[in-house]
Amino acid sequence: MSLSITLTINGTPRTVELDDPRVTLLDLLRERLDLTGTKKGCDRGQCGACTILLDGRRVNSCLALALSHDGAEILTIEGLADGEACHPIQAAFIAHDAFQCGFCTPGQIMSALGLIQEGSAGDDPERVREGMSGNLCRCGAYRGITEAVLEAQQRMSRDAREEVA
């Protein structure tokens, strides 16, 4: 029995047939839709490498059944850049050397975006570290990650103020 779901992924509506109701969003994104930026780390929701934004909220996609999110809006790392122009978070990660091997970076960036959009980043490094604590970096690039989140939050706030003015 095949089940059909519709998702909006990176702004594009997609209808997907599921042969197995147990498929996770992570496996759907990577194996069926070739969106391999979202990484499979622990596959248990402990490392954050698979973080995506689901209806604007940070989610470990390895724990989310695709069938449960019919009609949802998903943003992955592939949906951030505007053509060749990096998203402010991506630019800040580059500027602050906020990665080494890069495996965790997509999940870190998506979690950072969620943290900023939640209004939880603020300007306190400890608050950012706490907010990002669900994303592990085996290389230990935490200082650069924290600095990148703080810079991106400031830039995104400034850009939002300029749009209103």
Protein backbone atom coordinates (compact mmCIF):
# COMPACT_ATOMS: atom_id res chain seq x y z
CA MET A 1 0.00 0.00 0.00
CA SER A 2 1.38 3.38 -1.03
CA LEU A 3 0.60 6.59 0.85
CA SER A 4 0.85 10.04 -0.69
CA ILE A 5 1.98 13.15 1.21
CA THR A 6 2.55 16.71 0.11
CA LEU A 7 5.33 18.83 1.56
CA THR A 8 6.66 22.25 0.69
CA ILE A 9 10.43 21.82 0.67
CA ASN A 10 12.61 24.89 0.29
CA GLY A 11 9.62 26.75 -1.14
CA THR A 12 8.68 24.07 -3.69
CA PRO A 13 5.56 21.94 -3.24
CA ARG A 14 6.38 18.23 -3.57
CA THR A 15 4.07 15.22 -3.58
CA VAL A 16 5.79 12.02 -2.51
CA GLU A 17 4.58 8.44 -2.49
CA LEU A 18 5.61 6.52 0.63
CA ASP A 19 5.84 2.75 0.38
CA ASP A 20 6.61 2.49 4.09
CA PRO A 21 4.78 4.56 6.72
CA ARG A 22 7.89 4.41 8.93
CA VAL A 23 10.14 6.50 6.68
CA THR A 24 11.65 9.49 8.47
CA LEU A 25 11.94 12.98 7.06
CA LEU A 26 15.72 12.51 7.08
CA ASP A 27 15.57 9.41 4.90
CA LEU A 28 12.95 10.97 2.64
CA LEU A 29 15.08 14.08 2.10
CA ARG A 30 18.36 12.22 1.55
CA GLU A 31 17.34 9.03 -0.20
CA ARG A 32 14.24 9.97 -2.16
CA LEU A 33 14.67 13.68 -2.86
CA ASP A 34 18.50 13.82 -3.13
CA LEU A 35 18.76 16.65 -0.58
CA THR A 36 21.92 15.28 1.03
CA GLY A 37 22.94 18.42 2.91
CA THR A 38 20.98 17.19 5.90
CA LYS A 39 23.30 14.64 7.51
CA LYS A 40 22.62 11.32 9.17
CA GLY A 41 24.79 11.33 12.27
CA CYS A 42 23.56 9.25 15.17
CA ASP A 43 20.08 8.50 13.76
CA ARG A 44 18.79 8.80 17.35
CA GLY A 45 18.17 12.52 17.78
CA GLN A 46 21.25 13.07 19.91
CA CYS A 47 23.73 14.87 17.63
CA GLY A 48 21.69 17.45 15.67
CA ALA A 49 23.40 16.78 12.32
CA CYS A 50 19.96 16.22 10.78
CA THR A 51 18.41 19.49 12.01
CA ILE A 52 15.92 21.09 9.63
CA LEU A 53 13.24 23.73 10.08
CA LEU A 54 9.78 22.17 10.05
CA ASP A 55 7.03 24.77 9.96
CA GLY A 56 9.63 27.24 11.24
CA ARG A 57 10.75 25.13 14.22
CA ARG A 58 14.01 23.25 14.71
CA VAL A 59 13.51 19.50 14.39
CA ASN A 60 15.78 16.46 14.35
CA SER A 61 14.58 14.99 11.07
CA CYS A 62 15.80 11.51 12.02
CA LEU A 63 13.05 11.37 14.66
CA ALA A 64 10.20 12.78 12.55
CA LEU A 65 8.04 10.40 10.55
CA ALA A 66 7.34 11.88 7.13
CA LEU A 67 3.74 10.64 7.17
CA SER A 68 3.04 12.66 10.33
CA HIS A 69 3.94 15.91 8.59
CA ASP A 70 1.73 15.88 5.52
CA GLY A 71 1.23 19.49 4.44
CA ALA A 72 4.26 20.79 6.35
CA GLU A 73 6.77 23.37 5.21
CA ILE A 74 10.40 22.23 5.40
CA LEU A 75 13.56 24.29 5.06
CA THR A 76 16.86 22.49 4.59
CA ILE A 77 20.40 23.78 4.17
CA GLU A 78 19.90 23.66 0.39
CA GLY A 79 17.15 26.29 0.67
CA LEU A 80 19.18 28.98 2.47
CA ALA A 81 21.46 30.59 -0.10
CA ASP A 82 19.99 33.03 -2.60
CA GLY A 83 21.65 31.80 -5.78
CA GLU A 84 25.37 32.38 -5.29
CA ALA A 85 24.80 34.73 -2.33
CA CYS A 86 25.25 33.08 1.06
CA HIS A 87 22.62 33.48 3.75
CA PRO A 88 23.92 35.71 6.60
CA ILE A 89 24.33 32.63 8.81
CA GLN A 90 26.37 30.84 6.17
CA ALA A 91 28.54 33.94 5.67
CA ALA A 92 29.09 34.24 9.43
CA PHE A 93 30.09 30.58 9.71
CA ILE A 94 32.70 31.15 7.00
CA ALA A 95 33.94 34.41 8.54
CA HIS A 96 34.39 32.83 12.00
CA ASP A 97 35.82 29.47 10.88
CA ALA A 98 32.84 27.85 12.59
CA PHE A 99 33.56 24.42 11.14
CA GLN A 100 36.42 22.04 10.61
CA CYS A 101 35.40 18.75 9.01
CA GLY A 102 32.01 20.26 8.07
CA PHE A 103 29.87 17.20 8.80
CA CYS A 104 27.80 18.90 11.50
CA THR A 105 27.74 22.30 9.78
CA PRO A 106 24.38 22.01 7.94
CA GLY A 107 22.63 21.01 11.17
CA GLN A 108 24.46 23.72 13.11
CA ILE A 109 23.43 26.36 10.57
CA MET A 110 19.79 25.26 10.52
CA SER A 111 19.70 25.20 14.32
CA ALA A 112 21.28 28.66 14.42
CA LEU A 113 18.61 30.00 12.06
CA GLY A 114 15.89 28.49 14.22
CA LEU A 115 17.45 29.93 17.37
CA ILE A 116 17.58 33.40 15.83
CA GLN A 117 14.04 33.21 14.46
CA GLU A 118 12.78 32.10 17.88
CA GLY A 119 14.31 35.28 19.31
CA SER A 120 16.42 33.19 21.65
CA ALA A 121 19.92 34.11 20.46
CA GLY A 122 20.22 37.52 22.09
CA ASP A 123 23.72 38.87 22.55
CA ASP A 124 24.93 36.58 25.33
CA PRO A 125 27.40 33.85 24.25
CA GLU A 126 26.25 31.58 27.10
CA ARG A 127 22.66 31.87 25.95
CA VAL A 128 23.71 30.95 22.39
CA ARG A 129 25.72 27.96 23.64
CA GLU A 130 22.72 26.75 25.62
CA GLY A 131 20.39 27.26 22.66
CA MET A 132 22.73 25.33 20.37
CA SER A 133 23.44 22.54 22.88
CA GLY A 134 21.45 19.98 20.87
CA ASN A 135 24.00 20.18 18.06
CA LEU A 136 27.28 18.41 18.62
CA CYS A 137 30.58 19.16 16.87
CA ARG A 138 33.15 16.42 17.18
CA CYS A 139 35.89 18.79 16.03
CA GLY A 140 35.14 21.25 18.85
CA ALA A 141 34.46 24.37 16.75
CA TYR A 142 32.07 25.69 19.38
CA ARG A 143 33.74 29.07 19.86
CA GLY A 144 33.50 29.88 16.15
CA ILE A 145 29.93 28.59 16.03
CA THR A 146 28.92 30.83 18.93
CA GLU A 147 30.61 33.87 17.36
CA ALA A 148 28.95 33.12 14.02
CA VAL A 149 25.48 32.87 15.58
CA LEU A 150 25.97 36.17 17.40
CA GLU A 151 27.16 37.94 14.26
CA ALA A 152 24.39 36.50 12.10
CA GLN A 153 21.76 37.47 14.67
CA GLN A 154 23.04 41.06 14.68
CA ARG A 155 23.15 41.24 10.90
CA MET A 156 19.70 39.72 10.47
CA SER A 157 18.25 42.14 13.07
CA ARG A 158 19.90 45.08 11.31
CA ASP A 159 18.66 43.90 7.89
CA ALA A 160 15.11 43.50 9.26
CA ARG A 161 15.19 47.03 10.72
CA GLU A 162 16.40 48.44 7.38
CA GLU A 163 13.58 46.67 5.52
CA VAL A 164 11.01 48.29 7.81
CA ALA A 165 12.52 51.78 7.48
